[in-house]
Amino acid sequence: MKIVGRLYFIHIFAWLAIWLATYYPGLDVVLAFAYLLIIFLQIRSLGDESGGRAAAVFLAWQAPGIVFSVLSLLPWSFWGLKEYAFFLLMFWYTPVVPLLSLLQWVIAGYPLYYFLLLAMPLIYGLLFIIFVFTHRKQPAFSSSRIRCPP
């Protein structure tokens, strides 16, 4: 599970980088794109792994985001659990929040990034599947047409 450790390492240090970059206009957006590129390259390295192992890596890496998203969608809130869960969801996805904040549309009184943050585990999951399965190695064909009997 070295890949999960690397993904967590990249993700956590991206929090710090984005947080420090917010003091310089535009730098946080550039770093968010850099984060996505680094994550993309790291996920593409999973193309050689089995589908089950790749899914386990994704679930281990995005478990906090999935839990916070589900807690934010609960119909009830015990001691403000939904509000805390949404704050933690926003904190978990800090590396992509600068990109989401560029979207200024409002739907049903909520900014679009609110709905995108709630859907971010699904978006990450779809991107993960696309990145892993587009990098699968094709089976090598034998150059020899002569088959030796056993």
C-alpha atoms as a PDB file:
ATOM      1  CA  MET A   1       0.000   0.000   0.000  1.00  0.00           C
ATOM      2  CA  LYS A   2       2.886   2.343  -0.747  1.00  0.00           C
ATOM      3  CA  ILE A   3       0.737   4.026  -3.364  1.00  0.00           C
ATOM      4  CA  VAL A   4      -1.856   5.015  -0.729  1.00  0.00           C
ATOM      5  CA  GLY A   5       0.905   6.534   1.369  1.00  0.00           C
ATOM      6  CA  ARG A   6       2.186   8.498  -1.600  1.00  0.00           C
ATOM      7  CA  LEU A   7      -1.313   9.729  -2.458  1.00  0.00           C
ATOM      8  CA  TYR A   8      -1.882  10.837   1.154  1.00  0.00           C
ATOM      9  CA  PHE A   9       1.534  12.521   1.194  1.00  0.00           C
ATOM     10  CA  ILE A  10       0.750  14.444  -2.007  1.00  0.00           C
ATOM     11  CA  HIS A  11      -2.749  15.305  -0.797  1.00  0.00           C
ATOM     12  CA  ILE A  12      -1.694  16.557   2.635  1.00  0.00           C
ATOM     13  CA  PHE A  13       1.184  18.645   1.339  1.00  0.00           C
ATOM     14  CA  ALA A  14      -1.142  20.093  -1.286  1.00  0.00           C
ATOM     15  CA  TRP A  15      -3.247  21.435   1.611  1.00  0.00           C
ATOM     16  CA  LEU A  16      -0.257  23.358   2.883  1.00  0.00           C
ATOM     17  CA  ALA A  17       0.771  24.568  -0.573  1.00  0.00           C
ATOM     18  CA  ILE A  18      -2.727  25.791  -1.464  1.00  0.00           C
ATOM     19  CA  TRP A  19      -3.164  27.413   1.920  1.00  0.00           C
ATOM     20  CA  LEU A  20       0.110  29.341   1.580  1.00  0.00           C
ATOM     21  CA  ALA A  21      -0.628  30.205  -2.054  1.00  0.00           C
ATOM     22  CA  THR A  22      -3.904  31.944  -1.211  1.00  0.00           C
ATOM     23  CA  TYR A  23      -1.879  35.001  -0.237  1.00  0.00           C
ATOM     24  CA  TYR A  24      -0.815  35.424  -3.871  1.00  0.00           C
ATOM     25  CA  PRO A  25      -3.715  35.873  -6.305  1.00  0.00           C
ATOM     26  CA  GLY A  26      -3.833  33.206  -8.974  1.00  0.00           C
ATOM     27  CA  LEU A  27      -1.080  31.043  -7.512  1.00  0.00           C
ATOM     28  CA  ASP A  28      -3.592  28.807  -5.722  1.00  0.00           C
ATOM     29  CA  VAL A  29      -5.277  28.013  -9.059  1.00  0.00           C
ATOM     30  CA  VAL A  30      -1.915  27.181 -10.638  1.00  0.00           C
ATOM     31  CA  LEU A  31      -1.037  24.906  -7.707  1.00  0.00           C
ATOM     32  CA  ALA A  32      -4.458  23.241  -7.908  1.00  0.00           C
ATOM     33  CA  PHE A  33      -3.734  22.346 -11.539  1.00  0.00           C
ATOM     34  CA  ALA A  34      -0.256  21.140 -10.522  1.00  0.00           C
ATOM     35  CA  TYR A  35      -1.855  18.980  -7.806  1.00  0.00           C
ATOM     36  CA  LEU A  36      -4.242  17.423 -10.322  1.00  0.00           C
ATOM     37  CA  LEU A  37      -1.371  16.735 -12.714  1.00  0.00           C
ATOM     38  CA  ILE A  38       0.727  15.065 -10.001  1.00  0.00           C
ATOM     39  CA  ILE A  39      -2.241  12.996  -8.814  1.00  0.00           C
ATOM     40  CA  PHE A  40      -3.002  12.064 -12.439  1.00  0.00           C
ATOM     41  CA  LEU A  41       0.547  10.803 -12.957  1.00  0.00           C
ATOM     42  CA  GLN A  42       0.469   8.897  -9.674  1.00  0.00           C
ATOM     43  CA  ILE A  43      -2.862   7.259 -10.467  1.00  0.00           C
ATOM     44  CA  ARG A  44      -1.710   6.305 -13.973  1.00  0.00           C
ATOM     45  CA  SER A  45       1.025   4.232 -12.332  1.00  0.00           C
ATOM     46  CA  LEU A  46      -1.751   1.969 -11.016  1.00  0.00           C
ATOM     47  CA  GLY A  47      -2.542   0.820 -14.551  1.00  0.00           C
ATOM     48  CA  ASP A  48      -0.532  -2.367 -13.983  1.00  0.00           C
ATOM     49  CA  GLU A  49      -2.503  -3.318 -10.866  1.00  0.00           C
ATOM     50  CA  SER A  50      -5.618  -5.455 -10.751  1.00  0.00           C
ATOM     51  CA  GLY A  51      -9.016  -3.770 -10.679  1.00  0.00           C
ATOM     52  CA  GLY A  52      -9.659  -4.867  -7.094  1.00  0.00           C
ATOM     53  CA  ARG A  53      -6.347  -3.507  -5.860  1.00  0.00           C
ATOM     54  CA  ALA A  54      -6.915  -0.210  -7.685  1.00  0.00           C
ATOM     55  CA  ALA A  55     -10.382   0.071  -6.109  1.00  0.00           C
ATOM     56  CA  ALA A  56      -8.917  -0.646  -2.667  1.00  0.00           C
ATOM     57  CA  VAL A  57      -6.333   2.094  -3.190  1.00  0.00           C
ATOM     58  CA  PHE A  58      -9.047   4.557  -4.199  1.00  0.00           C
ATOM     59  CA  LEU A  59     -11.276   3.689  -1.236  1.00  0.00           C
ATOM     60  CA  ALA A  60      -8.386   3.921   1.229  1.00  0.00           C
ATOM     61  CA  TRP A  61      -7.262   7.252  -0.239  1.00  0.00           C
ATOM     62  CA  GLN A  62     -10.704   8.864  -0.483  1.00  0.00           C
ATOM     63  CA  ALA A  63     -12.347   7.317   2.597  1.00  0.00           C
ATOM     64  CA  PRO A  64     -12.379  10.617   4.552  1.00  0.00           C
ATOM     65  CA  GLY A  65     -13.999  12.469   1.647  1.00  0.00           C
ATOM     66  CA  ILE A  66     -16.603   9.747   1.189  1.00  0.00           C
ATOM     67  CA  VAL A  67     -17.484   9.717   4.901  1.00  0.00           C
ATOM     68  CA  PHE A  68     -17.701  13.521   5.129  1.00  0.00           C
ATOM     69  CA  SER A  69     -19.838  13.694   1.994  1.00  0.00           C
ATOM     70  CA  VAL A  70     -22.255  11.065   3.287  1.00  0.00           C
ATOM     71  CA  LEU A  71     -22.473  12.796   6.684  1.00  0.00           C
ATOM     72  CA  SER A  72     -23.160  16.108   4.943  1.00  0.00           C
ATOM     73  CA  LEU A  73     -26.057  14.551   3.053  1.00  0.00           C
ATOM     74  CA  LEU A  74     -27.776  13.058   6.116  1.00  0.00           C
ATOM     75  CA  PRO A  75     -31.334  14.317   6.594  1.00  0.00           C
ATOM     76  CA  TRP A  76     -30.728  14.957  10.307  1.00  0.00           C
ATOM     77  CA  SER A  77     -27.985  16.729  12.198  1.00  0.00           C
ATOM     78  CA  PHE A  78     -26.946  15.668  15.682  1.00  0.00           C
ATOM     79  CA  TRP A  79     -25.126  18.564  17.422  1.00  0.00           C
ATOM     80  CA  GLY A  80     -24.402  20.207  14.087  1.00  0.00           C
ATOM     81  CA  LEU A  81     -22.774  17.115  12.616  1.00  0.00           C
ATOM     82  CA  LYS A  82     -23.749  18.068   9.051  1.00  0.00           C
ATOM     83  CA  GLU A  83     -22.100  21.473   9.319  1.00  0.00           C
ATOM     84  CA  TYR A  84     -18.891  20.033  10.780  1.00  0.00           C
ATOM     85  CA  ALA A  85     -18.869  17.299   8.155  1.00  0.00           C
ATOM     86  CA  PHE A  86     -19.206  19.847   5.343  1.00  0.00           C
ATOM     87  CA  PHE A  87     -16.383  21.928   6.825  1.00  0.00           C
ATOM     88  CA  LEU A  88     -14.184  18.817   6.975  1.00  0.00           C
ATOM     89  CA  LEU A  89     -15.257  17.915   3.431  1.00  0.00           C
ATOM     90  CA  MET A  90     -14.152  21.336   2.234  1.00  0.00           C
ATOM     91  CA  PHE A  91     -10.907  20.959   4.164  1.00  0.00           C
ATOM     92  CA  TRP A  92     -10.299  17.491   2.690  1.00  0.00           C
ATOM     93  CA  TYR A  93     -10.744  18.807  -0.844  1.00  0.00           C
ATOM     94  CA  THR A  94      -8.723  21.997  -0.239  1.00  0.00           C
ATOM     95  CA  PRO A  95      -6.403  21.197  -3.173  1.00  0.00           C
ATOM     96  CA  VAL A  96      -9.283  21.580  -5.669  1.00  0.00           C
ATOM     97  CA  VAL A  97     -11.328  24.283  -3.911  1.00  0.00           C
ATOM     98  CA  PRO A  98      -9.563  27.105  -5.847  1.00  0.00           C
ATOM     99  CA  LEU A  99     -10.774  25.538  -9.090  1.00  0.00           C
ATOM    100  CA  LEU A 100     -14.303  25.073  -7.751  1.00  0.00           C
ATOM    101  CA  SER A 101     -14.440  28.649  -6.505  1.00  0.00           C
ATOM    102  CA  LEU A 102     -13.986  29.889 -10.077  1.00  0.00           C
ATOM    103  CA  LEU A 103     -17.539  28.707 -10.796  1.00  0.00           C
ATOM    104  CA  GLN A 104     -19.815  31.566  -9.758  1.00  0.00           C
ATOM    105  CA  TRP A 105     -23.192  30.042 -10.641  1.00  0.00           C
ATOM    106  CA  VAL A 106     -25.954  29.662  -8.062  1.00  0.00           C
ATOM    107  CA  ILE A 107     -28.466  26.804  -8.060  1.00  0.00           C
ATOM    108  CA  ALA A 108     -31.431  26.807  -5.654  1.00  0.00           C
ATOM    109  CA  GLY A 109     -29.770  29.457  -3.513  1.00  0.00           C
ATOM    110  CA  TYR A 110     -26.490  27.526  -3.143  1.00  0.00           C
ATOM    111  CA  PRO A 111     -23.282  28.166  -5.055  1.00  0.00           C
ATOM    112  CA  LEU A 112     -22.365  25.492  -7.590  1.00  0.00           C
ATOM    113  CA  TYR A 113     -19.199  24.556  -5.710  1.00  0.00           C
ATOM    114  CA  TYR A 114     -21.373  23.408  -2.779  1.00  0.00           C
ATOM    115  CA  PHE A 115     -22.912  20.687  -4.938  1.00  0.00           C
ATOM    116  CA  LEU A 116     -19.588  19.878  -6.581  1.00  0.00           C
ATOM    117  CA  LEU A 117     -17.946  19.424  -3.178  1.00  0.00           C
ATOM    118  CA  LEU A 118     -20.686  17.000  -2.165  1.00  0.00           C
ATOM    119  CA  ALA A 119     -20.157  15.100  -5.428  1.00  0.00           C
ATOM    120  CA  MET A 120     -16.355  15.260  -5.285  1.00  0.00           C
ATOM    121  CA  PRO A 121     -15.905  11.613  -4.148  1.00  0.00           C
ATOM    122  CA  LEU A 122     -17.898  10.547  -7.227  1.00  0.00           C
ATOM    123  CA  ILE A 123     -15.950  12.903  -9.488  1.00  0.00           C
ATOM    124  CA  TYR A 124     -12.647  11.633  -8.103  1.00  0.00           C
ATOM    125  CA  GLY A 125     -13.904   8.070  -8.530  1.00  0.00           C
ATOM    126  CA  LEU A 126     -14.796   8.607 -12.185  1.00  0.00           C
ATOM    127  CA  LEU A 127     -11.465  10.280 -12.904  1.00  0.00           C
ATOM    128  CA  PHE A 128      -9.677   7.491 -11.043  1.00  0.00           C
ATOM    129  CA  ILE A 129     -11.396   4.831 -13.151  1.00  0.00           C
ATOM    130  CA  ILE A 130     -10.644   6.703 -16.376  1.00  0.00           C
ATOM    131  CA  PHE A 131      -6.986   7.277 -15.489  1.00  0.00           C
ATOM    132  CA  VAL A 132      -6.337   3.717 -14.303  1.00  0.00           C
ATOM    133  CA  PHE A 133      -8.120   1.860 -17.081  1.00  0.00           C
ATOM    134  CA  THR A 134      -6.815   4.008 -19.937  1.00  0.00           C
ATOM    135  CA  HIS A 135      -3.283   3.120 -18.908  1.00  0.00           C
ATOM    136  CA  ARG A 136      -3.763  -0.654 -18.850  1.00  0.00           C
ATOM    137  CA  LYS A 137      -0.996  -2.435 -20.665  1.00  0.00           C
ATOM    138  CA  GLN A 138      -2.146  -4.396 -23.663  1.00  0.00           C
ATOM    139  CA  PRO A 139      -1.057  -8.026 -23.803  1.00  0.00           C
ATOM    140  CA  ALA A 140       2.076  -8.462 -25.848  1.00  0.00           C
ATOM    141  CA  PHE A 141       1.678 -10.531 -28.974  1.00  0.00           C
ATOM    142  CA  SER A 142       4.234 -13.142 -29.741  1.00  0.00           C
ATOM    143  CA  SER A 143       6.292 -12.376 -32.784  1.00  0.00           C
ATOM    144  CA  SER A 144       6.748 -16.060 -33.518  1.00  0.00           C
ATOM    145  CA  ARG A 145       3.996 -17.888 -35.376  1.00  0.00           C
ATOM    146  CA  ILE A 146       5.618 -21.281 -34.886  1.00  0.00           C
ATOM    147  CA  ARG A 147       4.133 -23.220 -32.011  1.00  0.00           C
ATOM    148  CA  CYS A 148       6.202 -25.942 -30.463  1.00  0.00           C
ATOM    149  CA  PRO A 149       4.301 -29.072 -29.413  1.00  0.00           C
ATOM    150  CA  PRO A 150       4.344 -29.742 -25.657  1.00  0.00           C
END
